[in-house]
N, C-alpha and C. Protein backbone atom coordinates (compact mmCIF):
# COMPACT_ATOMS: atom_id res chain seq x y z
N UNK A 1 0.70 -1.18 0.05
CA UNK A 1 -0.11 0.00 -0.14
C UNK A 1 0.84 1.21 0.08
N UNK A 2 0.52 2.12 -0.87
CA UNK A 2 1.50 3.28 -1.02
C UNK A 2 0.83 4.53 -0.20
N UNK A 3 1.55 5.41 0.22
CA UNK A 3 1.02 6.51 1.02
C UNK A 3 0.76 7.84 -0.18
N UNK A 4 0.88 7.47 -1.40
CA UNK A 4 0.54 8.59 -2.35
C UNK A 4 -0.76 9.03 -2.52
N UNK A 5 -1.17 10.02 -2.54
CA UNK A 5 -2.56 10.60 -2.72
C UNK A 5 -3.25 9.94 -3.96
N UNK A 6 -4.37 9.66 -3.68
CA UNK A 6 -5.05 8.99 -4.91
C UNK A 6 -5.94 10.22 -5.46
N UNK A 7 -5.69 10.83 -6.74
CA UNK A 7 -6.29 11.73 -7.26
C UNK A 7 -7.58 11.35 -8.13
N UNK A 8 -7.64 10.22 -8.41
CA UNK A 8 -8.75 9.82 -9.32
C UNK A 8 -10.20 10.05 -8.88
N UNK A 9 -10.56 9.74 -7.46
CA UNK A 9 -11.92 9.67 -6.88
C UNK A 9 -11.92 10.86 -6.03
N UNK A 10 -11.21 11.86 -6.04
CA UNK A 10 -11.30 12.90 -5.12
C UNK A 10 -12.50 13.77 -5.07
N UNK A 11 -13.02 14.00 -3.85
CA UNK A 11 -14.11 14.99 -3.58
C UNK A 11 -13.52 16.37 -3.80
N UNK A 12 -14.34 17.39 -4.25
CA UNK A 12 -13.89 18.73 -4.48
C UNK A 12 -13.32 19.19 -3.08
N UNK A 13 -13.75 18.72 -1.99
CA UNK A 13 -13.12 19.22 -0.70
C UNK A 13 -11.73 18.73 -0.52
N UNK A 14 -11.54 17.53 -1.05
CA UNK A 14 -10.03 17.00 -0.86
C UNK A 14 -9.10 17.52 -2.02
N UNK A 15 -9.74 18.38 -2.93
CA UNK A 15 -8.97 18.51 -4.03
C UNK A 15 -7.62 19.37 -3.50
N UNK A 16 -6.44 19.21 -4.21
CA UNK A 16 -5.35 19.89 -3.84
C UNK A 16 -5.56 21.43 -4.17
N UNK A 17 -5.00 22.22 -3.40
CA UNK A 17 -5.07 23.80 -3.69
C UNK A 17 -4.78 24.15 -5.06
N UNK A 18 -4.11 23.43 -5.83
CA UNK A 18 -3.74 23.78 -7.13
C UNK A 18 -4.89 23.53 -8.05
N UNK A 19 -6.08 23.11 -7.67
CA UNK A 19 -7.21 22.98 -8.60
C UNK A 19 -7.54 24.22 -9.26
N UNK A 20 -8.05 24.15 -10.38
CA UNK A 20 -8.52 25.35 -11.23
C UNK A 20 -9.84 25.94 -10.62
N UNK A 21 -9.84 27.26 -10.29
CA UNK A 21 -10.79 28.07 -9.65
C UNK A 21 -12.04 27.94 -10.52
N UNK A 22 -11.93 28.02 -11.76
CA UNK A 22 -12.92 27.95 -12.58
C UNK A 22 -13.68 26.61 -12.51
N UNK A 23 -13.02 25.50 -12.46
CA UNK A 23 -13.41 24.26 -12.39
C UNK A 23 -14.29 24.15 -11.18
N UNK A 24 -13.69 24.68 -10.01
CA UNK A 24 -14.46 24.64 -8.80
C UNK A 24 -15.45 25.53 -8.82
N UNK A 25 -15.72 26.62 -9.37
CA UNK A 25 -16.88 27.44 -9.61
C UNK A 25 -17.91 26.75 -10.31
N UNK A 26 -17.54 26.10 -11.30
CA UNK A 26 -18.29 25.31 -12.30
C UNK A 26 -19.24 24.10 -11.34
N UNK A 27 -18.19 23.30 -10.67
CA UNK A 27 -18.73 22.37 -9.66
C UNK A 27 -19.70 22.94 -8.58
N UNK A 28 -19.36 24.06 -8.03
CA UNK A 28 -20.13 24.65 -7.10
C UNK A 28 -21.45 25.08 -7.65
N UNK A 29 -21.45 25.59 -8.97
CA UNK A 29 -22.59 25.96 -9.51
C UNK A 29 -23.56 24.89 -9.91
N UNK A 30 -22.83 23.64 -10.31
CA UNK A 30 -23.69 22.40 -10.46
C UNK A 30 -24.20 21.99 -9.15
N UNK A 31 -23.55 22.03 -8.01
CA UNK A 31 -23.93 21.58 -6.93
C UNK A 31 -25.29 22.24 -6.46
N UNK A 32 -24.96 23.60 -6.63
CA UNK A 32 -26.21 24.60 -6.23
C UNK A 32 -27.54 24.25 -7.17
N UNK A 33 -27.31 23.93 -8.35
CA UNK A 33 -28.40 23.53 -9.19
C UNK A 33 -28.98 22.47 -8.81
N UNK A 34 -28.28 21.42 -8.46
CA UNK A 34 -28.81 20.29 -8.07
C UNK A 34 -29.54 20.31 -6.64
N UNK A 35 -28.91 21.05 -5.72
CA UNK A 35 -29.58 21.26 -4.44
C UNK A 35 -31.01 22.11 -4.74
N UNK A 36 -31.06 22.97 -5.76
CA UNK A 36 -32.15 23.87 -5.91
C UNK A 36 -33.18 22.83 -6.51
N UNK A 37 -32.87 21.87 -7.44
CA UNK A 37 -33.68 20.95 -8.04
C UNK A 37 -34.24 20.10 -6.98
N UNK A 38 -33.48 19.48 -6.01
CA UNK A 38 -33.96 18.67 -4.99
C UNK A 38 -34.87 19.47 -4.14
N UNK A 39 -34.40 20.74 -3.78
CA UNK A 39 -35.54 21.36 -2.98
C UNK A 39 -36.76 21.74 -3.58
N UNK A 40 -36.76 21.98 -4.80
CA UNK A 40 -38.14 22.04 -5.47
C UNK A 40 -38.78 20.93 -5.48
N UNK A 41 -38.30 19.69 -5.83
CA UNK A 41 -39.02 18.36 -5.81
C UNK A 41 -39.56 18.36 -4.30
N UNK A 42 -38.69 18.48 -3.22
CA UNK A 42 -39.37 18.49 -1.82
C UNK A 42 -40.48 19.40 -1.75
N UNK A 43 -40.52 20.55 -2.21
CA UNK A 43 -41.66 21.39 -1.92
C UNK A 43 -42.83 20.92 -2.76
N UNK A 44 -42.62 20.18 -4.15
CA UNK A 44 -43.64 19.80 -4.79
C UNK A 44 -44.35 18.62 -4.04
N UNK A 45 -43.43 17.77 -3.44
CA UNK A 45 -43.89 16.63 -2.56
C UNK A 45 -44.74 17.04 -1.39
N UNK A 46 -44.19 18.00 -0.72
CA UNK A 46 -44.89 18.50 0.46
C UNK A 46 -46.37 18.99 0.18
N UNK A 47 -46.38 19.80 -1.10
CA UNK A 47 -47.70 20.37 -1.43
C UNK A 47 -48.54 19.46 -2.05
N UNK A 48 -48.15 18.41 -2.54
CA UNK A 48 -48.93 17.09 -3.12
C UNK A 48 -49.57 16.40 -1.89
N UNK A 49 -48.51 16.13 -0.97
CA UNK A 49 -49.13 15.45 0.29
C UNK A 49 -50.19 16.23 0.93
N UNK A 50 -50.10 17.58 1.05
CA UNK A 50 -51.00 18.39 1.70
C UNK A 50 -52.26 18.43 0.79
N UNK A 51 -52.12 18.55 -0.47
CA UNK A 51 -53.39 18.34 -1.23
C UNK A 51 -54.13 17.10 -0.99
N UNK A 52 -53.50 16.02 -1.03
CA UNK A 52 -54.00 14.77 -0.68
C UNK A 52 -54.79 14.66 0.69
N UNK A 53 -54.06 15.01 1.72
CA UNK A 53 -54.75 15.22 2.87
C UNK A 53 -55.78 15.99 3.00
N UNK A 54 -55.96 17.09 2.45
CA UNK A 54 -57.13 18.08 2.29
C UNK A 54 -58.23 17.45 1.54
N UNK A 55 -58.00 16.69 0.55
CA UNK A 55 -58.83 16.13 -0.37
C UNK A 55 -59.62 14.78 0.28
N UNK A 56 -58.81 14.18 1.01
CA UNK A 56 -59.27 13.06 1.90
C UNK A 56 -60.18 13.64 3.02
N UNK A 57 -59.81 14.76 3.67
CA UNK A 57 -60.55 15.28 4.58
C UNK A 57 -61.89 15.71 4.14
N UNK A 58 -61.95 16.23 2.75
CA UNK A 58 -63.28 16.68 2.37
C UNK A 58 -64.20 15.64 1.99
N UNK A 59 -63.41 14.51 1.52
CA UNK A 59 -64.25 13.13 1.21
C UNK A 59 -64.79 12.66 2.38
N UNK A 60 -64.23 12.64 3.55
CA UNK A 60 -64.80 12.14 4.77
C UNK A 60 -65.69 13.04 5.14
N UNK A 61 -65.71 14.23 5.26
CA UNK A 61 -66.64 15.27 5.74
C UNK A 61 -68.00 15.07 4.86
N UNK A 62 -67.65 14.73 3.47
CA UNK A 62 -68.80 14.60 2.50
C UNK A 62 -69.70 13.33 3.04
N UNK A 63 -68.80 12.28 3.19
CA UNK A 63 -69.30 10.94 3.57
C UNK A 63 -70.09 11.17 4.74
N UNK A 64 -69.54 11.86 5.62
CA UNK A 64 -70.42 11.88 7.03
C UNK A 64 -71.81 12.79 6.71
N UNK A 65 -71.71 13.75 5.95
CA UNK A 65 -72.72 14.59 5.73
C UNK A 65 -73.85 14.01 4.90
N UNK A 66 -73.41 12.86 3.99
CA UNK A 66 -74.46 12.39 3.18
C UNK A 66 -74.54 10.98 3.48
N UNK A 67 -74.04 10.50 4.54
CA UNK A 67 -74.18 9.06 4.86
C UNK A 67 -75.42 8.43 4.75
N UNK A 68 -76.41 9.17 5.30
CA UNK A 68 -77.84 8.67 5.21
C UNK A 68 -78.70 9.00 4.18
N UNK A 69 -78.13 9.38 3.04
CA UNK A 69 -78.83 10.02 1.93
C UNK A 69 -79.99 8.95 1.36
N UNK A 70 -79.20 7.67 1.12
CA UNK A 70 -80.13 6.68 0.69
C UNK A 70 -81.30 6.14 1.65
N UNK A 71 -80.83 6.16 2.95
CA UNK A 71 -81.70 5.81 4.01
C UNK A 71 -82.90 6.91 3.87
N UNK A 72 -82.42 7.99 3.96
CA UNK A 72 -83.55 9.35 3.96
C UNK A 72 -84.32 9.21 2.75
N UNK A 73 -83.92 8.97 1.64
CA UNK A 73 -84.62 8.68 0.39
C UNK A 73 -85.56 7.66 0.57
N UNK A 74 -85.30 6.53 1.20
CA UNK A 74 -86.34 5.31 1.40
C UNK A 74 -87.32 5.90 2.52
N UNK A 75 -87.09 6.70 3.39
CA UNK A 75 -88.06 7.18 4.38
C UNK A 75 -89.15 8.14 3.78
N UNK A 76 -88.69 8.87 2.55
CA UNK A 76 -89.70 9.66 1.99
C UNK A 76 -90.99 8.90 1.66
N UNK A 77 -90.84 7.77 1.26
CA UNK A 77 -92.07 7.12 0.86
C UNK A 77 -92.83 6.72 2.12
N UNK A 78 -92.31 6.52 3.20
CA UNK A 78 -93.08 6.33 4.45
C UNK A 78 -93.71 7.52 4.96
N UNK A 79 -93.02 8.71 4.86
CA UNK A 79 -93.56 9.91 5.11
C UNK A 79 -94.74 10.36 4.36
N UNK A 80 -94.73 9.99 3.20
CA UNK A 80 -95.83 10.39 2.13
C UNK A 80 -96.95 9.37 2.38
N UNK A 81 -96.72 8.32 2.83
CA UNK A 81 -97.83 7.24 3.11
C UNK A 81 -98.60 7.75 4.59
N UNK A 82 -97.63 8.09 5.50
CA UNK A 82 -98.26 8.41 6.64
C UNK A 82 -99.16 9.75 6.44
N UNK A 83 -98.54 10.76 5.77
CA UNK A 83 -99.34 12.00 5.38
C UNK A 83 -100.63 11.73 4.69
N UNK A 84 -100.62 10.86 3.90
CA UNK A 84 -101.90 10.43 3.09
C UNK A 84 -102.97 9.86 4.25
N UNK A 85 -102.40 8.94 5.14
CA UNK A 85 -103.37 8.34 6.04
C UNK A 85 -103.88 9.54 7.18
N UNK A 86 -103.09 10.52 7.42
CA UNK A 86 -103.62 11.47 8.51
C UNK A 86 -104.67 12.28 7.77
N UNK A 87 -104.26 12.52 6.37
CA UNK A 87 -105.20 13.24 5.69
C UNK A 87 -106.51 12.57 5.49
N UNK A 88 -106.43 11.40 5.25
CA UNK A 88 -107.97 10.64 5.07
C UNK A 88 -108.52 10.16 6.36
N UNK A 89 -107.72 10.41 7.49
CA UNK A 89 -108.09 9.97 8.68
C UNK A 89 -109.54 10.04 9.15
N UNK A 90 -109.91 11.42 9.14
CA UNK A 90 -111.39 11.72 9.58
C UNK A 90 -112.50 11.17 8.81
N UNK A 91 -112.21 10.92 7.60
CA UNK A 91 -113.36 10.41 6.68
C UNK A 91 -113.33 8.85 6.41
N UNK A 92 -112.01 8.29 6.76
CA UNK A 92 -111.67 6.78 6.25
C UNK A 92 -112.44 5.81 7.25
N UNK A 93 -112.52 4.83 6.76
CA UNK A 93 -113.00 3.50 7.56
C UNK A 93 -111.90 3.17 8.41
N UNK A 94 -112.11 2.65 9.65
CA UNK A 94 -111.02 2.07 10.46
C UNK A 94 -110.50 0.93 9.83
N UNK A 95 -111.01 0.07 9.13
CA UNK A 95 -110.27 -0.98 8.52
C UNK A 95 -109.36 -0.59 7.25
N UNK A 96 -109.57 0.43 6.62
CA UNK A 96 -108.95 1.11 5.61
C UNK A 96 -107.49 1.77 6.17
N UNK A 97 -107.91 2.55 7.25
CA UNK A 97 -106.60 3.07 8.06
C UNK A 97 -105.87 1.96 8.53
N UNK A 98 -106.38 0.88 9.02
CA UNK A 98 -105.32 -0.18 9.49
C UNK A 98 -104.56 -1.05 8.28
N UNK A 99 -105.28 -0.91 7.26
CA UNK A 99 -104.72 -1.50 5.94
C UNK A 99 -103.58 -0.44 5.53
N UNK A 100 -103.79 0.98 5.63
CA UNK A 100 -102.96 1.79 5.19
C UNK A 100 -101.63 1.83 6.17
N UNK A 101 -101.74 1.69 7.41
CA UNK A 101 -100.76 1.51 8.41
C UNK A 101 -99.96 0.28 8.16
N UNK A 102 -100.58 -0.81 7.93
CA UNK A 102 -99.84 -1.99 7.61
C UNK A 102 -98.93 -1.83 6.33
N UNK A 103 -99.46 -0.97 5.28
CA UNK A 103 -98.67 -0.89 4.03
C UNK A 103 -97.52 0.05 4.38
N UNK A 104 -97.79 1.15 5.33
CA UNK A 104 -96.75 2.03 5.74
C UNK A 104 -95.73 1.29 6.50
N UNK A 105 -96.07 0.45 7.35
CA UNK A 105 -95.06 -0.41 8.16
C UNK A 105 -94.14 -1.36 7.23
N UNK A 106 -94.91 -1.93 6.03
CA UNK A 106 -94.11 -2.63 5.19
C UNK A 106 -93.09 -1.79 4.45
N UNK A 107 -93.46 -0.49 4.11
CA UNK A 107 -92.50 0.59 3.51
C UNK A 107 -91.35 0.72 4.58
N UNK A 108 -91.69 1.04 5.70
CA UNK A 108 -90.74 0.99 6.82
C UNK A 108 -89.62 -0.09 6.89
N UNK A 109 -90.26 -1.18 6.92
CA UNK A 109 -89.52 -2.43 7.24
C UNK A 109 -88.60 -2.54 5.93
N UNK A 110 -88.99 -2.21 4.75
CA UNK A 110 -88.17 -2.50 3.59
C UNK A 110 -86.99 -1.44 3.51
N UNK A 111 -87.25 -0.08 3.97
CA UNK A 111 -86.30 0.75 4.02
C UNK A 111 -85.08 0.50 5.11
N UNK A 112 -85.80 -0.11 6.39
CA UNK A 112 -84.77 -0.79 7.38
C UNK A 112 -83.90 -1.82 6.67
N UNK A 113 -84.41 -2.73 6.08
CA UNK A 113 -83.65 -3.82 5.53
C UNK A 113 -82.65 -3.50 4.60
N UNK A 114 -83.08 -2.50 3.47
CA UNK A 114 -82.05 -1.93 2.71
C UNK A 114 -80.78 -1.17 3.35
N UNK A 115 -81.23 -0.50 4.56
CA UNK A 115 -80.08 0.10 5.30
C UNK A 115 -79.38 -0.93 6.22
N UNK A 116 -79.66 -1.93 6.32
CA UNK A 116 -79.24 -3.09 7.29
C UNK A 116 -79.58 -3.07 8.62
N UNK A 117 -80.86 -2.43 8.84
CA UNK A 117 -81.28 -2.40 10.17
C UNK A 117 -82.18 -3.54 10.22
N UNK A 118 -82.07 -4.46 11.40
CA UNK A 118 -82.94 -5.57 11.57
C UNK A 118 -83.65 -5.55 13.04
N UNK A 119 -84.56 -6.24 13.20
CA UNK A 119 -85.56 -6.33 14.58
C UNK A 119 -84.70 -7.20 15.51
N UNK A 120 -84.79 -7.04 16.63
CA UNK A 120 -84.44 -7.88 17.63
C UNK A 120 -85.85 -8.21 18.42
N UNK A 121 -86.29 -9.34 18.04
CA UNK A 121 -87.59 -9.92 18.78
C UNK A 121 -87.49 -11.15 19.18
N UNK A 122 -87.02 -11.41 20.67
CA UNK A 122 -86.45 -12.60 21.13
C UNK A 122 -87.25 -13.51 21.89
N UNK A 123 -88.58 -13.43 21.69
CA UNK A 123 -89.61 -14.23 22.50
C UNK A 123 -89.25 -15.71 22.29
N UNK A 124 -89.19 -16.36 23.47
CA UNK A 124 -88.71 -17.69 23.50
C UNK A 124 -87.23 -18.24 23.68
N UNK A 125 -86.50 -16.87 23.33
CA UNK A 125 -84.98 -17.13 23.29
C UNK A 125 -84.37 -16.88 24.69
N UNK A 126 -83.09 -17.48 24.86
CA UNK A 126 -82.49 -17.30 26.15
C UNK A 126 -82.23 -15.85 26.41
N UNK A 127 -82.18 -15.14 27.44
CA UNK A 127 -82.01 -13.77 27.76
C UNK A 127 -80.52 -13.68 27.45
N UNK A 128 -80.16 -12.43 26.63
CA UNK A 128 -79.04 -12.22 26.32
C UNK A 128 -78.61 -10.66 26.46
N UNK A 129 -77.81 -10.37 27.60
CA UNK A 129 -77.68 -8.92 28.01
C UNK A 129 -77.16 -8.03 26.96
N UNK A 130 -76.56 -8.71 26.01
CA UNK A 130 -75.89 -7.83 25.04
C UNK A 130 -77.02 -7.40 24.12
N UNK A 131 -78.04 -8.00 23.93
CA UNK A 131 -79.08 -7.67 23.11
C UNK A 131 -80.45 -7.25 23.61
N UNK A 132 -80.46 -7.72 24.88
CA UNK A 132 -81.99 -7.51 25.57
C UNK A 132 -81.69 -6.71 26.98
N UNK A 133 -82.81 -6.01 27.27
CA UNK A 133 -82.73 -5.32 28.56
C UNK A 133 -84.12 -5.86 29.31
N UNK A 134 -83.68 -6.55 30.52
CA UNK A 134 -84.75 -7.15 31.19
C UNK A 134 -85.49 -5.85 31.88
N UNK A 135 -86.74 -5.89 31.73
CA UNK A 135 -87.60 -5.01 32.38
C UNK A 135 -88.18 -5.43 33.73
N UNK A 136 -88.41 -6.87 33.70
CA UNK A 136 -88.80 -7.40 34.83
C UNK A 136 -88.66 -9.06 34.86
N UNK A 137 -88.76 -9.83 35.78
CA UNK A 137 -88.74 -11.26 35.83
C UNK A 137 -90.11 -11.70 36.36
N UNK A 138 -90.70 -12.78 35.68
CA UNK A 138 -92.04 -13.27 35.87
C UNK A 138 -91.93 -14.70 36.13
N UNK A 139 -92.49 -15.42 37.29
CA UNK A 139 -92.47 -16.72 37.37
C UNK A 139 -93.33 -17.46 36.18
N UNK A 140 -92.76 -18.67 35.79
CA UNK A 140 -93.21 -19.39 34.62
C UNK A 140 -93.08 -20.67 34.59
N UNK A 141 -94.19 -21.53 34.65
CA UNK A 141 -94.00 -23.00 34.74
C UNK A 141 -93.91 -23.58 33.37
N UNK A 142 -94.14 -22.95 32.34
CA UNK A 142 -93.82 -23.52 30.85
C UNK A 142 -92.55 -23.23 30.39
N UNK A 143 -91.96 -21.94 30.49
CA UNK A 143 -90.78 -21.55 29.88
C UNK A 143 -89.49 -21.76 30.90
N UNK A 144 -88.34 -21.96 30.49
CA UNK A 144 -87.34 -22.37 31.32
C UNK A 144 -86.87 -21.01 31.91
N UNK A 145 -86.22 -21.06 33.01
CA UNK A 145 -85.68 -19.89 33.66
C UNK A 145 -84.72 -19.22 32.81
N UNK A 146 -84.82 -17.92 32.69
CA UNK A 146 -83.86 -17.20 31.93
C UNK A 146 -84.26 -16.98 30.41
N UNK A 147 -85.38 -17.59 30.05
CA UNK A 147 -86.17 -17.33 28.78
C UNK A 147 -86.87 -16.07 28.72
N UNK A 148 -86.68 -15.35 27.56
CA UNK A 148 -87.52 -14.29 27.29
C UNK A 148 -89.16 -14.70 27.03
N UNK A 149 -89.95 -14.06 27.90
CA UNK A 149 -91.34 -14.53 27.91
C UNK A 149 -92.19 -13.70 27.01
N UNK A 150 -91.88 -12.29 27.05
CA UNK A 150 -92.44 -11.38 26.29
C UNK A 150 -91.68 -10.26 25.86
N UNK A 151 -91.89 -9.49 24.73
CA UNK A 151 -91.12 -8.30 24.47
C UNK A 151 -92.00 -7.26 24.65
N UNK A 152 -91.34 -6.15 25.51
CA UNK A 152 -92.22 -5.18 25.73
C UNK A 152 -91.98 -3.94 24.68
N UNK A 153 -90.74 -3.87 24.20
CA UNK A 153 -90.37 -2.98 23.22
C UNK A 153 -89.28 -3.65 22.35
N UNK A 154 -89.42 -3.81 20.95
CA UNK A 154 -88.54 -4.52 20.06
C UNK A 154 -87.24 -3.75 20.10
N UNK A 155 -86.17 -4.33 19.81
CA UNK A 155 -84.70 -3.82 19.81
C UNK A 155 -84.41 -3.89 18.15
N UNK A 156 -83.26 -3.21 17.91
CA UNK A 156 -82.81 -2.93 16.70
C UNK A 156 -81.29 -3.07 16.54
N UNK A 157 -80.84 -3.64 15.36
CA UNK A 157 -79.43 -3.81 15.24
C UNK A 157 -79.19 -3.29 13.97
N UNK A 158 -77.88 -2.54 13.76
CA UNK A 158 -77.54 -1.85 12.60
C UNK A 158 -76.31 -2.50 12.04
N UNK A 159 -76.34 -3.61 11.02
CA UNK A 159 -75.21 -4.22 10.53
C UNK A 159 -74.43 -4.85 11.59
N UNK A 160 -75.25 -5.50 12.60
CA UNK A 160 -74.56 -6.33 13.68
C UNK A 160 -74.36 -5.39 14.87
N UNK A 161 -74.40 -4.31 14.80
CA UNK A 161 -74.24 -3.42 16.02
C UNK A 161 -75.61 -3.00 16.50
N UNK A 162 -75.60 -3.01 17.83
CA UNK A 162 -76.91 -2.69 18.69
C UNK A 162 -77.21 -1.30 18.49
N UNK A 163 -78.45 -1.10 18.05
CA UNK A 163 -79.01 0.29 18.12
C UNK A 163 -79.81 0.60 19.37
N UNK A 164 -80.51 -0.34 19.71
CA UNK A 164 -81.36 -0.31 20.84
C UNK A 164 -81.72 -1.77 21.33
N UNK A 165 -81.37 -1.97 22.53
CA UNK A 165 -81.74 -3.46 23.03
C UNK A 165 -83.39 -3.69 23.09
N UNK A 166 -83.65 -4.91 22.96
CA UNK A 166 -85.19 -5.34 23.03
C UNK A 166 -85.42 -5.10 24.55
N UNK A 167 -86.36 -4.66 24.98
CA UNK A 167 -86.86 -4.53 26.39
C UNK A 167 -87.84 -5.66 26.52
N UNK A 168 -87.47 -6.71 27.52
CA UNK A 168 -88.02 -8.05 27.71
C UNK A 168 -88.31 -8.27 29.04
N UNK A 169 -89.46 -9.36 29.05
CA UNK A 169 -89.78 -9.87 30.42
C UNK A 169 -89.15 -11.27 30.44
N UNK A 170 -88.49 -11.67 31.51
CA UNK A 170 -87.89 -12.86 31.52
C UNK A 170 -88.40 -13.67 32.53
N UNK A 171 -88.35 -15.00 32.03
CA UNK A 171 -88.86 -15.93 32.86
C UNK A 171 -87.95 -16.54 34.24
N UNK A 172 -88.80 -16.66 35.22
CA UNK A 172 -87.94 -17.36 36.29
C UNK A 172 -88.66 -18.44 36.95
N UNK A 173 -88.06 -19.28 37.56
CA UNK A 173 -88.82 -20.36 38.28
C UNK A 173 -89.82 -20.08 39.07
N UNK A 174 -90.99 -20.82 39.10
CA UNK A 174 -92.21 -20.53 39.71
C UNK A 174 -91.94 -20.41 41.33
N UNK A 175 -92.62 -19.51 41.96
CA UNK A 175 -92.34 -19.54 43.29
C UNK A 175 -93.03 -20.57 44.05
N UNK A 176 -92.12 -21.12 45.05
CA UNK A 176 -92.51 -22.35 45.72
C UNK A 176 -93.72 -22.37 46.62
N UNK A 177 -93.91 -21.08 47.12
CA UNK A 177 -95.32 -21.01 48.05
C UNK A 177 -96.45 -20.93 46.90
N UNK A 178 -96.33 -20.67 45.81
CA UNK A 178 -97.58 -20.49 45.00
C UNK A 178 -98.13 -21.93 44.47
N UNK A 179 -97.44 -22.94 44.64
CA UNK A 179 -97.58 -24.18 44.07
C UNK A 179 -98.64 -24.81 44.84
C-alpha cells in the first residue's frame, strides 16, 4: 500500500489547492443547481401530500354529511304514506286506516332492510344482556328460567351493531309458595 495521494476519486473538498478555480466554480454551480432541483422536488412533494390530505378530509366530511342519504330517500315514501293516512283519517273507515298503516309499516321495514337495520324480537330465546334489557322477571311454569317470555319493546341492530336493546320480560322459576 502506498502513501501517495489518490487523485482519481477525489471529492472537491479533498482537491489540492492547485485545482482550477474555474472548475471549482463550475462544480459549485452544478451542486447548487442540483440542491435547488432537490429543494423544488421536496416542496412539490410536500404540497402534493398536503393536497391529498385536504382532499381526503373533504371526502370524509362529505361521507359523514351524506351517509344517510339513501336511507332518508327510502323514508320519504314512508312519510308520504303517513301524510296520506292522516289526511284521510277523519273520513276513512277504520279497516282502511289499519290497511294503510300496515302498508306504511311494510315500506318502513323495506327501508330498514335496505339500510341493514334488523329487528331484535327474542320471544322464546334465552336472555342475552348484549341485545336484551330485562324490564322484569316473571314466574313461569312453561318457559325455562332465563328465557324471554314477552317483548315490551323491540330492539334494533344496524349491521350487527346494537342500536337499541329489546326490552323484555324474563322467565324465572315458579315461586315455591304458589304451588
